[in-house]
Amino acid sequence: MSNIKTAISVNKPLFDEVEALAQEMEVSRSEVFARAAREYVQHHKSHKIMEAINAAYGDVPDENEEALRKRMRRKQREIVEDQW
């Protein structure tokens, strides 16, 4: 697979965090950004799949189902936040 070189602009505090993380992980900054981009794209795909599933089951949820959805969303956020 070929690599494409690109330039991005980030604020200094974020750059410093990425730099520190790259050193800690013993990888390049480019690798940190590439991994972050892959995770973000995967998250977006998962979100789109969830929207499609929700549309397929578009009926109005009852109170129990809505409570379950809230717990599931909260758990999903916890999982995703741990990954970032």
Protein backbone atom coordinates (compact mmCIF):
# COMPACT_ATOMS: atom_id res chain seq x y z
CA MET A 1 0.00 0.00 0.00
CA SER A 2 1.40 3.37 -0.95
CA ASN A 3 1.56 6.29 1.43
CA ILE A 4 0.47 9.81 0.59
CA LYS A 5 2.19 12.72 2.25
CA THR A 6 -0.11 15.45 3.53
CA ALA A 7 0.13 18.51 5.72
CA ILE A 8 -2.30 19.35 8.50
CA SER A 9 -2.55 22.20 10.95
CA VAL A 10 -3.14 21.53 14.63
CA ASN A 11 -2.88 23.75 17.65
CA LYS A 12 0.35 23.65 19.65
CA PRO A 13 -1.08 21.87 22.73
CA LEU A 14 -2.45 19.05 20.56
CA PHE A 15 0.82 18.81 18.66
CA ASP A 16 2.71 18.53 21.95
CA GLU A 17 0.38 15.78 23.14
CA VAL A 18 0.80 13.86 19.88
CA GLU A 19 4.56 14.29 20.07
CA ALA A 20 4.64 12.94 23.64
CA LEU A 21 2.37 10.04 22.71
CA ALA A 22 4.50 9.16 19.69
CA GLN A 23 7.61 9.08 21.88
CA GLU A 24 5.84 6.99 24.51
CA MET A 25 4.60 4.53 21.88
CA GLU A 26 7.94 4.60 20.05
CA VAL A 27 6.28 5.42 16.73
CA SER A 28 6.37 8.44 14.47
CA ARG A 29 3.95 11.35 14.72
CA SER A 30 2.68 10.31 11.31
CA GLU A 31 1.80 6.89 12.70
CA VAL A 32 -0.11 8.45 15.60
CA PHE A 33 -2.11 10.62 13.19
CA ALA A 34 -2.69 7.69 10.83
CA ARG A 35 -3.96 5.50 13.67
CA ALA A 36 -6.21 8.29 14.91
CA ALA A 37 -7.61 8.81 11.42
CA ARG A 38 -8.28 5.07 11.00
CA GLU A 39 -10.10 4.94 14.33
CA TYR A 40 -12.12 8.04 13.47
CA VAL A 41 -13.15 6.61 10.08
CA GLN A 42 -14.13 3.31 11.72
CA HIS A 43 -16.15 5.18 14.34
CA HIS A 44 -17.93 7.11 11.60
CA LYS A 45 -18.73 3.89 9.71
CA SER A 46 -20.08 2.32 12.90
CA HIS A 47 -22.21 5.40 13.52
CA LYS A 48 -23.65 5.22 10.00
CA ILE A 49 -24.45 1.52 10.46
CA MET A 50 -26.19 2.30 13.74
CA GLU A 51 -28.24 5.01 12.02
CA ALA A 52 -29.28 2.53 9.33
CA ILE A 53 -30.28 -0.04 11.94
CA ASN A 54 -32.24 2.58 13.85
CA ALA A 55 -34.00 3.65 10.65
CA ALA A 56 -34.92 0.02 9.95
CA TYR A 57 -36.46 -0.24 13.41
CA GLY A 58 -37.92 3.26 13.21
CA ASP A 59 -40.94 2.60 15.36
CA VAL A 60 -41.31 4.65 18.53
CA PRO A 61 -39.65 2.89 21.47
CA ASP A 62 -41.51 2.26 24.69
CA GLU A 63 -40.12 3.48 28.02
CA ASN A 64 -38.15 0.28 28.70
CA GLU A 65 -36.55 0.30 25.26
CA GLU A 66 -35.66 3.99 25.55
CA ALA A 67 -34.03 3.38 28.94
CA LEU A 68 -32.04 0.51 27.43
CA ARG A 69 -30.93 2.71 24.53
CA LYS A 70 -29.72 5.38 26.94
CA ARG A 71 -27.69 2.83 28.87
CA MET A 72 -26.26 1.44 25.63
CA ARG A 73 -25.31 4.94 24.38
CA ARG A 74 -23.66 5.73 27.71
CA LYS A 75 -21.72 2.45 27.60
CA GLN A 76 -20.69 3.04 23.97
CA ARG A 77 -19.43 6.54 24.88
CA GLU A 78 -17.42 5.08 27.76
CA ILE A 79 -15.84 2.53 25.43
CA VAL A 80 -15.06 5.11 22.74
CA GLU A 81 -13.66 7.62 25.22
CA ASP A 82 -11.28 4.96 26.55
CA GLN A 83 -10.03 4.38 23.00
CA TRP A 84 -9.27 8.05 22.39
